[in-house]
Amino acid sequence: MKKLLILLLALLLPACALGEADVMALQRLEGAMVYTASNGVDTVIRPAGQPFIGETELEDGELIAYLDYVDMPNENRVFLRLTVSIVTPEMYAADTMTLRTGKKAYTFSVWPEISEYDTIYYEDYAVCLTDESLPVLKDIISLKGKPVEVTLSGEGMEPIRGSVAMPADTVRRIRSDFEAAGGLKQDFGGFAETWPVEISK
């Protein structure tokens, strides 16, 4: 019996060592909107105070951004996700998104989720933040409400440039609530290749 208990403890310890985010605590945040993602599996928790309305050089286009939490049961993780969305009468399907936050530029490889309604295209460029890219939030906070410069680019297309201001207090609250729920204690190792980023100055 004693050997069986030791074996069970040995099996459970790795799971206990892996931090788990308190999803219910995030869902209970005041004003949070909770819904099922388009894949029918993941759960999106969008904190209050959004969207962030941006500007774009597209003549008939719109640019907005979101910060939310995504519970991915298949990955056994809750991610902090950053999404830039554009609304245009023409489909672009960029494969690279660059966010410039003052002295740093974060360049992500992206795979847009595109929908069309009445000849208007809605393109969502979402990246889950990993150990490598999470510092972008502190950089956004340091801007103190000044706009983040956004560039969407891809092969055979003219880059789409725009900007979006994300209030420092709101971004700080979203990050702090994630940390309080244990989100930053999770092991994000191995996900850098899923949402790759290059950081430059």
Protein backbone atom coordinates (compact mmCIF):
# COMPACT_ATOMS: atom_id res chain seq x y z
CA MET A 1 0.00 0.00 0.00
CA LYS A 2 2.82 2.37 0.89
CA LYS A 3 4.53 1.71 -2.45
CA LEU A 4 1.26 2.45 -4.25
CA LEU A 5 0.93 5.83 -2.48
CA ILE A 6 4.51 6.73 -3.36
CA LEU A 7 3.81 5.86 -7.01
CA LEU A 8 0.66 7.99 -7.05
CA LEU A 9 2.50 10.94 -5.55
CA ALA A 10 5.25 10.60 -8.13
CA LEU A 11 2.66 10.74 -10.90
CA LEU A 12 0.85 13.72 -9.40
CA LEU A 13 3.85 15.89 -8.57
CA PRO A 14 4.63 16.96 -12.16
CA ALA A 15 1.01 18.07 -12.60
CA CYS A 16 1.11 20.01 -9.34
CA ALA A 17 4.39 21.63 -10.28
CA LEU A 18 2.80 22.98 -13.44
CA GLY A 19 0.97 26.18 -12.58
CA GLU A 20 -2.68 26.34 -13.55
CA ALA A 21 -4.62 29.53 -14.10
CA ASP A 22 -7.87 30.01 -12.20
CA VAL A 23 -10.29 30.22 -15.12
CA MET A 24 -13.30 30.86 -12.89
CA ALA A 25 -11.58 33.86 -11.30
CA LEU A 26 -11.07 35.34 -14.76
CA GLN A 27 -14.65 34.63 -15.77
CA ARG A 28 -15.92 36.38 -12.62
CA LEU A 29 -14.10 39.63 -13.43
CA GLU A 30 -16.54 42.53 -13.46
CA GLY A 31 -17.78 43.29 -16.95
CA ALA A 32 -16.03 40.33 -18.56
CA MET A 33 -17.69 38.79 -21.62
CA VAL A 34 -17.37 34.99 -21.92
CA TYR A 35 -18.07 33.05 -25.11
CA THR A 36 -17.03 29.93 -27.00
CA ALA A 37 -14.41 30.41 -29.71
CA SER A 38 -15.18 29.62 -33.34
CA ASN A 39 -13.49 26.19 -33.03
CA GLY A 40 -16.19 25.17 -30.54
CA VAL A 41 -13.59 24.07 -27.99
CA ASP A 42 -11.78 27.07 -26.53
CA THR A 43 -13.37 29.64 -24.22
CA VAL A 44 -12.68 33.35 -24.67
CA ILE A 45 -12.86 35.68 -21.68
CA ARG A 46 -12.82 39.30 -22.80
CA PRO A 47 -12.22 41.84 -20.00
CA ALA A 48 -14.17 45.08 -19.80
CA GLY A 49 -13.01 48.32 -21.40
CA GLN A 50 -12.74 47.11 -24.97
CA PRO A 51 -12.40 47.21 -27.93
CA PHE A 52 -9.51 49.58 -28.49
CA ILE A 53 -10.41 51.72 -31.51
CA GLY A 54 -7.52 52.41 -33.86
CA GLU A 55 -6.82 54.18 -37.11
CA THR A 56 -5.67 52.86 -40.47
CA GLU A 57 -4.50 54.36 -43.74
CA LEU A 58 -7.07 52.24 -45.59
CA GLU A 59 -9.57 54.59 -47.16
CA ASP A 60 -12.63 52.50 -46.29
CA GLY A 61 -11.15 50.39 -43.55
CA GLU A 62 -11.27 50.11 -39.78
CA LEU A 63 -8.74 48.82 -37.27
CA ILE A 64 -9.48 47.70 -33.74
CA ALA A 65 -7.62 45.67 -31.11
CA TYR A 66 -8.49 43.41 -28.20
CA LEU A 67 -6.75 41.86 -25.22
CA ASP A 68 -8.40 38.79 -23.77
CA TYR A 69 -7.84 35.44 -22.11
CA VAL A 70 -8.31 32.15 -23.96
CA ASP A 71 -8.81 28.89 -22.12
CA MET A 72 -7.47 26.11 -24.37
CA PRO A 73 -8.32 22.75 -22.75
CA ASN A 74 -6.46 20.79 -25.44
CA GLU A 75 -3.27 22.61 -24.45
CA ASN A 76 -4.09 22.66 -20.73
CA ARG A 77 -3.27 26.37 -20.70
CA VAL A 78 -4.95 29.75 -20.43
CA PHE A 79 -3.30 32.30 -22.68
CA LEU A 80 -3.33 36.06 -22.75
CA ARG A 81 -4.20 36.87 -26.36
CA LEU A 82 -3.71 40.03 -28.41
CA THR A 83 -5.87 40.50 -31.52
CA VAL A 84 -5.76 43.14 -34.23
CA SER A 85 -8.82 43.19 -36.48
CA ILE A 86 -9.38 45.02 -39.73
CA VAL A 87 -12.65 45.59 -41.56
CA THR A 88 -12.27 46.30 -45.29
CA PRO A 89 -14.10 45.93 -48.60
CA GLU A 90 -11.10 43.95 -49.91
CA MET A 91 -9.48 40.76 -48.60
CA TYR A 92 -5.81 41.05 -47.63
CA ALA A 93 -4.82 37.89 -45.69
CA ALA A 94 -1.52 39.17 -44.31
CA ASP A 95 0.95 36.70 -42.82
CA THR A 96 3.04 39.08 -40.70
CA MET A 97 2.00 41.54 -38.00
CA THR A 98 4.43 44.04 -36.53
CA LEU A 99 3.69 46.05 -33.40
CA ARG A 100 6.02 48.92 -32.65
CA THR A 101 5.96 50.04 -29.03
CA GLY A 102 8.34 52.96 -28.86
CA LYS A 103 11.88 51.60 -29.11
CA LYS A 104 10.94 47.96 -29.80
CA ALA A 105 9.19 46.17 -32.64
CA TYR A 106 7.48 42.81 -32.16
CA THR A 107 7.02 40.94 -35.44
CA PHE A 108 4.65 37.97 -35.33
CA SER A 109 3.87 35.31 -37.89
CA VAL A 110 0.09 35.27 -38.17
CA TRP A 111 -2.70 33.21 -39.71
CA PRO A 112 -5.83 35.35 -40.01
CA GLU A 113 -9.35 34.21 -39.38
CA ILE A 114 -11.36 35.75 -42.21
CA SER A 115 -15.10 36.08 -42.62
CA GLU A 116 -17.14 37.94 -45.21
CA TYR A 117 -20.56 39.53 -44.98
CA ASP A 118 -22.21 41.64 -47.66
CA THR A 119 -18.88 42.15 -49.52
CA ILE A 120 -17.16 43.37 -46.34
CA TYR A 121 -14.20 41.35 -45.02
CA TYR A 122 -13.46 40.91 -41.34
CA GLU A 123 -9.89 39.76 -40.70
CA ASP A 124 -8.71 38.83 -37.21
CA TYR A 125 -4.99 38.56 -36.51
CA ALA A 126 -4.60 36.93 -33.11
CA VAL A 127 -1.47 35.88 -31.23
CA CYS A 128 -1.30 34.16 -27.87
CA LEU A 129 1.50 35.66 -25.81
CA THR A 130 4.30 33.34 -24.67
CA ASP A 131 7.36 33.90 -22.51
CA GLU A 132 9.07 35.61 -25.46
CA SER A 133 6.23 37.98 -26.36
CA LEU A 134 4.60 38.74 -22.99
CA PRO A 135 6.97 41.72 -22.45
CA VAL A 136 5.03 43.55 -25.18
CA LEU A 137 2.39 44.34 -22.54
CA LYS A 138 4.86 46.17 -20.31
CA ASP A 139 6.08 48.08 -23.35
CA ILE A 140 2.51 49.08 -24.20
CA ILE A 141 1.96 50.20 -20.61
CA SER A 142 5.13 52.32 -20.78
CA LEU A 143 3.66 54.20 -23.74
CA LYS A 144 1.14 55.73 -21.30
CA GLY A 145 -1.67 55.73 -23.82
CA LYS A 146 0.35 56.70 -26.87
CA PRO A 147 -0.54 54.65 -29.96
CA VAL A 148 1.03 51.33 -30.83
CA GLU A 149 2.05 51.34 -34.49
CA VAL A 150 0.64 48.37 -36.42
CA THR A 151 1.81 46.98 -39.76
CA LEU A 152 0.20 44.03 -41.53
CA SER A 153 2.15 42.66 -44.46
CA GLY A 154 2.46 39.65 -46.70
CA GLU A 155 3.69 38.41 -50.03
CA GLY A 156 2.14 40.23 -52.96
CA MET A 157 0.35 42.89 -50.93
CA GLU A 158 0.98 46.46 -49.97
CA PRO A 159 1.57 46.75 -46.24
CA ILE A 160 -1.38 47.99 -44.21
CA ARG A 161 -0.32 50.54 -41.63
CA GLY A 162 -2.26 51.88 -38.72
CA SER A 163 -2.13 52.57 -35.01
CA VAL A 164 -4.14 51.90 -31.90
CA ALA A 165 -4.00 53.52 -28.47
CA MET A 166 -4.36 51.10 -25.57
CA PRO A 167 -4.82 52.89 -22.22
CA ALA A 168 -2.04 51.99 -19.81
CA ASP A 169 -4.42 51.49 -16.87
CA THR A 170 -6.56 49.04 -18.84
CA VAL A 171 -3.61 47.00 -20.11
CA ARG A 172 -2.07 46.98 -16.63
CA ARG A 173 -5.35 45.74 -15.11
CA ILE A 174 -5.71 42.97 -17.69
CA ARG A 175 -2.15 41.79 -17.08
CA SER A 176 -2.48 42.08 -13.30
CA ASP A 177 -5.73 40.09 -13.24
CA PHE A 178 -4.05 37.39 -15.33
CA GLU A 179 -1.13 37.27 -12.92
CA ALA A 180 -3.45 37.18 -9.87
CA ALA A 181 -5.26 34.19 -11.38
CA GLY A 182 -1.96 32.33 -11.71
CA GLY A 183 -1.66 32.87 -15.44
CA LEU A 184 2.00 33.87 -15.39
CA LYS A 185 2.93 30.76 -13.36
CA GLN A 186 2.00 28.49 -16.26
CA ASP A 187 4.70 26.82 -18.30
CA PHE A 188 4.57 28.31 -21.80
CA GLY A 189 7.65 26.42 -22.93
CA GLY A 190 7.13 24.79 -26.29
CA PHE A 191 4.61 27.34 -27.55
CA ALA A 192 7.14 29.80 -28.99
CA GLU A 193 6.98 27.95 -32.31
CA THR A 194 3.19 28.08 -32.36
CA TRP A 195 3.12 31.88 -32.10
CA PRO A 196 6.63 32.91 -33.21
CA VAL A 197 7.88 36.44 -32.64
CA GLU A 198 10.98 38.40 -33.53
CA ILE A 199 11.93 41.39 -31.39
CA SER A 200 14.01 44.20 -32.78
CA LYS A 201 14.82 47.83 -32.07
